[in-house]
Amino acid sequence: MLSDLQDKDIINLIDGKKIGSIIDILVDDKGSVKELSVQKKKFLFFSGGVFKIKWDMIDKIGKDVILVNVGS
């Protein structure tokens, strides 16, 4: 499951920008996805850090992208 999601771009519906790439998924004891850990886009040699996206912030998972609703 993680490998399938890692290939998708994470796009913020608020501004249309790519947030980054999925590096980890938090799953509860029942197997439900709770949260995505996203490595923010890197700028030159600087890492953007890790951003947490809760499952309820995900609007749609498509073939190539995951659309999320993350306020600024």
C-alpha atoms as a PDB file:
ATOM      1  CA  MET A   1       0.000   0.000   0.000  1.00  0.00           C
ATOM      2  CA  LEU A   2       2.741   2.477   0.922  1.00  0.00           C
ATOM      3  CA  SER A   3       4.617   1.832  -2.314  1.00  0.00           C
ATOM      4  CA  ASP A   4       1.435   2.537  -4.332  1.00  0.00           C
ATOM      5  CA  LEU A   5       0.910   5.860  -2.563  1.00  0.00           C
ATOM      6  CA  GLN A   6       4.558   6.956  -2.675  1.00  0.00           C
ATOM      7  CA  ASP A   7       4.410   7.349  -6.450  1.00  0.00           C
ATOM      8  CA  LYS A   8       1.591   9.904  -6.261  1.00  0.00           C
ATOM      9  CA  ASP A   9       2.028  13.681  -6.021  1.00  0.00           C
ATOM     10  CA  ILE A  10       0.388  15.307  -2.995  1.00  0.00           C
ATOM     11  CA  ILE A  11      -1.435  18.461  -4.171  1.00  0.00           C
ATOM     12  CA  ASN A  12      -3.031  21.064  -1.899  1.00  0.00           C
ATOM     13  CA  LEU A  13      -6.492  22.060  -3.168  1.00  0.00           C
ATOM     14  CA  ILE A  14      -6.195  25.480  -1.491  1.00  0.00           C
ATOM     15  CA  ASP A  15      -3.332  26.772  -3.649  1.00  0.00           C
ATOM     16  CA  GLY A  16      -2.776  23.993  -6.230  1.00  0.00           C
ATOM     17  CA  LYS A  17       0.842  23.466  -5.158  1.00  0.00           C
ATOM     18  CA  LYS A  18       2.636  20.175  -4.693  1.00  0.00           C
ATOM     19  CA  ILE A  19       3.324  19.569  -1.009  1.00  0.00           C
ATOM     20  CA  GLY A  20       5.813  16.730  -1.267  1.00  0.00           C
ATOM     21  CA  SER A  21       6.139  12.952  -1.228  1.00  0.00           C
ATOM     22  CA  ILE A  22       4.750  10.351   1.173  1.00  0.00           C
ATOM     23  CA  ILE A  23       7.428   8.758   3.345  1.00  0.00           C
ATOM     24  CA  ASP A  24       5.270   6.932   5.915  1.00  0.00           C
ATOM     25  CA  ILE A  25       1.701   6.003   6.818  1.00  0.00           C
ATOM     26  CA  LEU A  26       0.234   5.763  10.322  1.00  0.00           C
ATOM     27  CA  VAL A  27      -2.210   2.849  10.598  1.00  0.00           C
ATOM     28  CA  ASP A  28      -4.309   2.004  13.669  1.00  0.00           C
ATOM     29  CA  ASP A  29      -4.660  -1.481  15.182  1.00  0.00           C
ATOM     30  CA  LYS A  30      -7.688  -2.164  12.937  1.00  0.00           C
ATOM     31  CA  GLY A  31      -5.722  -1.454   9.760  1.00  0.00           C
ATOM     32  CA  SER A  32      -7.314   1.941   9.045  1.00  0.00           C
ATOM     33  CA  VAL A  33      -5.065   4.716   7.727  1.00  0.00           C
ATOM     34  CA  LYS A  34      -4.969   7.620  10.184  1.00  0.00           C
ATOM     35  CA  GLU A  35      -2.239   9.886   8.846  1.00  0.00           C
ATOM     36  CA  LEU A  36       0.266  10.370   6.038  1.00  0.00           C
ATOM     37  CA  SER A  37       3.777  11.648   6.714  1.00  0.00           C
ATOM     38  CA  VAL A  38       4.896  13.783   3.780  1.00  0.00           C
ATOM     39  CA  GLN A  39       8.453  14.953   3.095  1.00  0.00           C
ATOM     40  CA  LYS A  40       8.041  18.561   2.003  1.00  0.00           C
ATOM     41  CA  LYS A  41       9.593  19.611  -1.297  1.00  0.00           C
ATOM     42  CA  LYS A  42      13.281  20.324  -1.032  1.00  0.00           C
ATOM     43  CA  PHE A  43      14.666  23.709  -1.995  1.00  0.00           C
ATOM     44  CA  LEU A  44      18.205  23.453  -3.309  1.00  0.00           C
ATOM     45  CA  PHE A  45      20.047  21.618  -0.527  1.00  0.00           C
ATOM     46  CA  PHE A  46      17.559  22.367   2.259  1.00  0.00           C
ATOM     47  CA  SER A  47      15.047  19.772   3.389  1.00  0.00           C
ATOM     48  CA  GLY A  48      11.515  21.055   3.789  1.00  0.00           C
ATOM     49  CA  GLY A  49      10.853  18.880   6.841  1.00  0.00           C
ATOM     50  CA  VAL A  50       8.024  16.439   7.445  1.00  0.00           C
ATOM     51  CA  PHE A  51       4.363  17.419   7.242  1.00  0.00           C
ATOM     52  CA  LYS A  52       1.539  15.323   8.745  1.00  0.00           C
ATOM     53  CA  ILE A  53      -1.722  14.983   6.801  1.00  0.00           C
ATOM     54  CA  LYS A  54      -4.672  13.493   8.670  1.00  0.00           C
ATOM     55  CA  TRP A  55      -6.857  11.066   6.717  1.00  0.00           C
ATOM     56  CA  ASP A  56      -9.867  13.424   6.887  1.00  0.00           C
ATOM     57  CA  MET A  57      -7.844  16.109   5.041  1.00  0.00           C
ATOM     58  CA  ILE A  58      -7.692  13.894   1.933  1.00  0.00           C
ATOM     59  CA  ASP A  59     -10.270  14.938  -0.653  1.00  0.00           C
ATOM     60  CA  LYS A  60      -9.543  12.440  -3.426  1.00  0.00           C
ATOM     61  CA  ILE A  61      -6.997   9.790  -4.358  1.00  0.00           C
ATOM     62  CA  GLY A  62      -6.509   9.600  -8.097  1.00  0.00           C
ATOM     63  CA  LYS A  63      -4.307   7.579 -10.419  1.00  0.00           C
ATOM     64  CA  ASP A  64      -1.370  10.013 -10.235  1.00  0.00           C
ATOM     65  CA  VAL A  65      -2.219  12.451  -7.424  1.00  0.00           C
ATOM     66  CA  ILE A  66      -3.668  12.737  -3.959  1.00  0.00           C
ATOM     67  CA  LEU A  67      -5.687  15.925  -3.455  1.00  0.00           C
ATOM     68  CA  VAL A  68      -5.680  17.280   0.082  1.00  0.00           C
ATOM     69  CA  ASN A  69      -7.356  20.216   1.736  1.00  0.00           C
ATOM     70  CA  VAL A  70      -4.664  21.841   3.862  1.00  0.00           C
ATOM     71  CA  GLY A  71      -5.260  25.415   5.009  1.00  0.00           C
ATOM     72  CA  SER A  72      -2.379  27.844   4.870  1.00  0.00           C
END
